Protein backbone atom coordinates (compact mmCIF):
# COMPACT_ATOMS: atom_id res chain seq x y z
CA UNK A 1 -19.32 2.75 251.56
CA UNK A 2 -21.75 0.17 250.16
CA UNK A 3 -19.40 -2.64 251.21
CA UNK A 4 -19.16 -1.28 254.75
CA UNK A 5 -22.94 -1.11 255.18
CA UNK A 6 -23.41 -4.54 253.62
CA UNK A 7 -20.72 -6.18 255.78
CA UNK A 8 -21.49 -4.50 259.08
CA UNK A 9 -25.23 -3.84 258.93
CA UNK A 10 -26.36 -6.66 256.63
CA UNK A 11 -27.80 -4.40 253.94
CA UNK A 12 -27.74 -6.59 250.80
CA UNK A 13 -26.81 -4.10 248.08
CA UNK A 14 -27.68 -4.08 244.40
CA UNK A 15 -26.32 -1.62 241.83
CA UNK A 16 -28.61 1.10 243.24
CA UNK A 17 -27.98 0.47 246.94
CA UNK A 18 -30.47 -0.95 249.42
CA UNK A 19 -34.24 -0.73 249.54
CA UNK A 20 -36.01 -0.68 252.91
CA UNK A 21 -39.57 -1.96 252.61
CA UNK A 22 -42.24 -0.77 255.02
CA UNK A 23 -46.01 -0.66 255.39
CA UNK A 24 -48.33 2.17 256.34
CA UNK A 25 -50.94 1.84 259.08
CA UNK A 26 -53.52 0.87 256.42
CA UNK A 27 -51.11 -1.80 255.03
CA UNK A 28 -50.01 0.06 251.89
CA UNK A 29 -46.51 -1.00 250.83
CA UNK A 30 -43.78 1.61 250.71
CA UNK A 31 -40.04 1.66 250.21
CA UNK A 32 -37.14 3.92 251.12
CA UNK A 33 -34.10 3.72 248.83
CA UNK A 34 -30.61 4.17 250.32
CA UNK A 35 -27.94 4.88 247.73
CA UNK A 36 -24.30 5.89 248.05
CA UNK A 37 -22.57 7.77 245.25
CA UNK A 38 -18.86 8.07 244.54
CA UNK A 39 -17.16 11.21 245.77
CA UNK A 40 -17.10 13.81 243.00
CA UNK A 41 -20.12 12.36 241.19
CA UNK A 42 -21.92 14.65 238.76
CA UNK A 43 -25.21 12.84 239.46
CA UNK A 44 -26.43 15.66 241.71
CA UNK A 45 -25.56 18.44 239.22
CA UNK A 46 -26.48 21.20 238.82
CA UNK A 47 -26.87 21.22 242.61
CA UNK A 48 -23.73 21.85 244.64
CA UNK A 49 -25.09 19.71 247.52
CA UNK A 50 -23.50 16.28 248.07
CA UNK A 51 -26.93 14.65 248.40
CA UNK A 52 -30.34 14.44 246.76
CA UNK A 53 -33.73 13.85 248.35
CA UNK A 54 -36.19 11.59 246.56
CA UNK A 55 -39.88 12.22 247.26
CA UNK A 56 -42.63 9.73 246.52
CA UNK A 57 -45.51 11.51 244.78
CA UNK A 58 -48.86 10.79 243.14
CA UNK A 59 -49.91 12.04 239.69
CA UNK A 60 -46.41 13.02 238.55
CA UNK A 61 -47.47 14.49 235.19
CA UNK A 62 -50.00 16.80 236.84
CA UNK A 63 -47.49 17.80 239.50
CA UNK A 64 -44.83 18.63 236.89
CA UNK A 65 -47.27 20.88 235.02
CA UNK A 66 -48.14 22.67 238.27
CA UNK A 67 -44.45 23.10 239.14
CA UNK A 68 -43.72 24.54 235.70
CA UNK A 69 -46.64 26.97 236.09
CA UNK A 70 -45.09 28.06 239.40
CA UNK A 71 -41.75 28.66 237.63
CA UNK A 72 -40.00 25.74 239.36
CA UNK A 73 -37.01 24.57 237.32
CA UNK A 74 -37.75 21.09 235.97
CA UNK A 75 -34.44 19.59 234.89
CA UNK A 76 -35.52 16.77 232.61
CA UNK A 77 -38.43 14.94 231.03
CA UNK A 78 -40.34 12.34 233.02
CA UNK A 79 -38.45 9.04 232.81
CA UNK A 80 -40.77 6.02 232.63
CA UNK A 81 -39.28 2.81 234.05
CA UNK A 82 -40.63 -0.56 235.24
CA UNK A 83 -40.11 0.60 238.85
CA UNK A 84 -41.87 3.92 238.46
CA UNK A 85 -41.64 7.32 236.84
CA UNK A 86 -39.02 9.91 237.77
CA UNK A 87 -38.24 13.57 237.17
CA UNK A 88 -35.74 16.00 238.72
CA UNK A 89 -36.36 19.57 239.85
CA UNK A 90 -34.41 22.23 241.74
CA UNK A 91 -35.77 23.47 245.06
CA UNK A 92 -35.63 27.11 246.14
CA UNK A 93 -32.04 26.65 247.44
CA UNK A 94 -30.80 25.03 244.21
CA UNK A 95 -30.79 21.47 245.56
CA UNK A 96 -31.62 18.72 243.09
CA UNK A 97 -34.78 16.84 244.12
CA UNK A 98 -35.97 13.59 242.56
CA UNK A 99 -39.73 13.02 242.33
CA UNK A 100 -40.81 9.39 242.05
CA UNK A 101 -44.24 8.05 241.20
CA UNK A 102 -44.21 4.31 241.97
CA UNK A 103 -45.92 1.91 239.56
CA UNK A 104 -49.56 1.12 240.26
């Protein structure tokens, strides 16, 4: 799938897929990540859905504590990376959701 999108739509892929960069009305930089996973991947587990939504958030640590207080299932510890901090939760339908706090 990555090859098709790269060849036909010019999306230069890296190991994660393709990142669309955009700007808000007040010129803040933002990105949308497009990633394709192999059929049968376990990356979305424990969700049964063949996709995962990634939401950009502020104050991830505070949000995680609030989600835990609301009995939301937090699947892992916050992962700190050079391109931001991540954590996974399950929504009310059991879909895996990735929360991403970009670096400052």
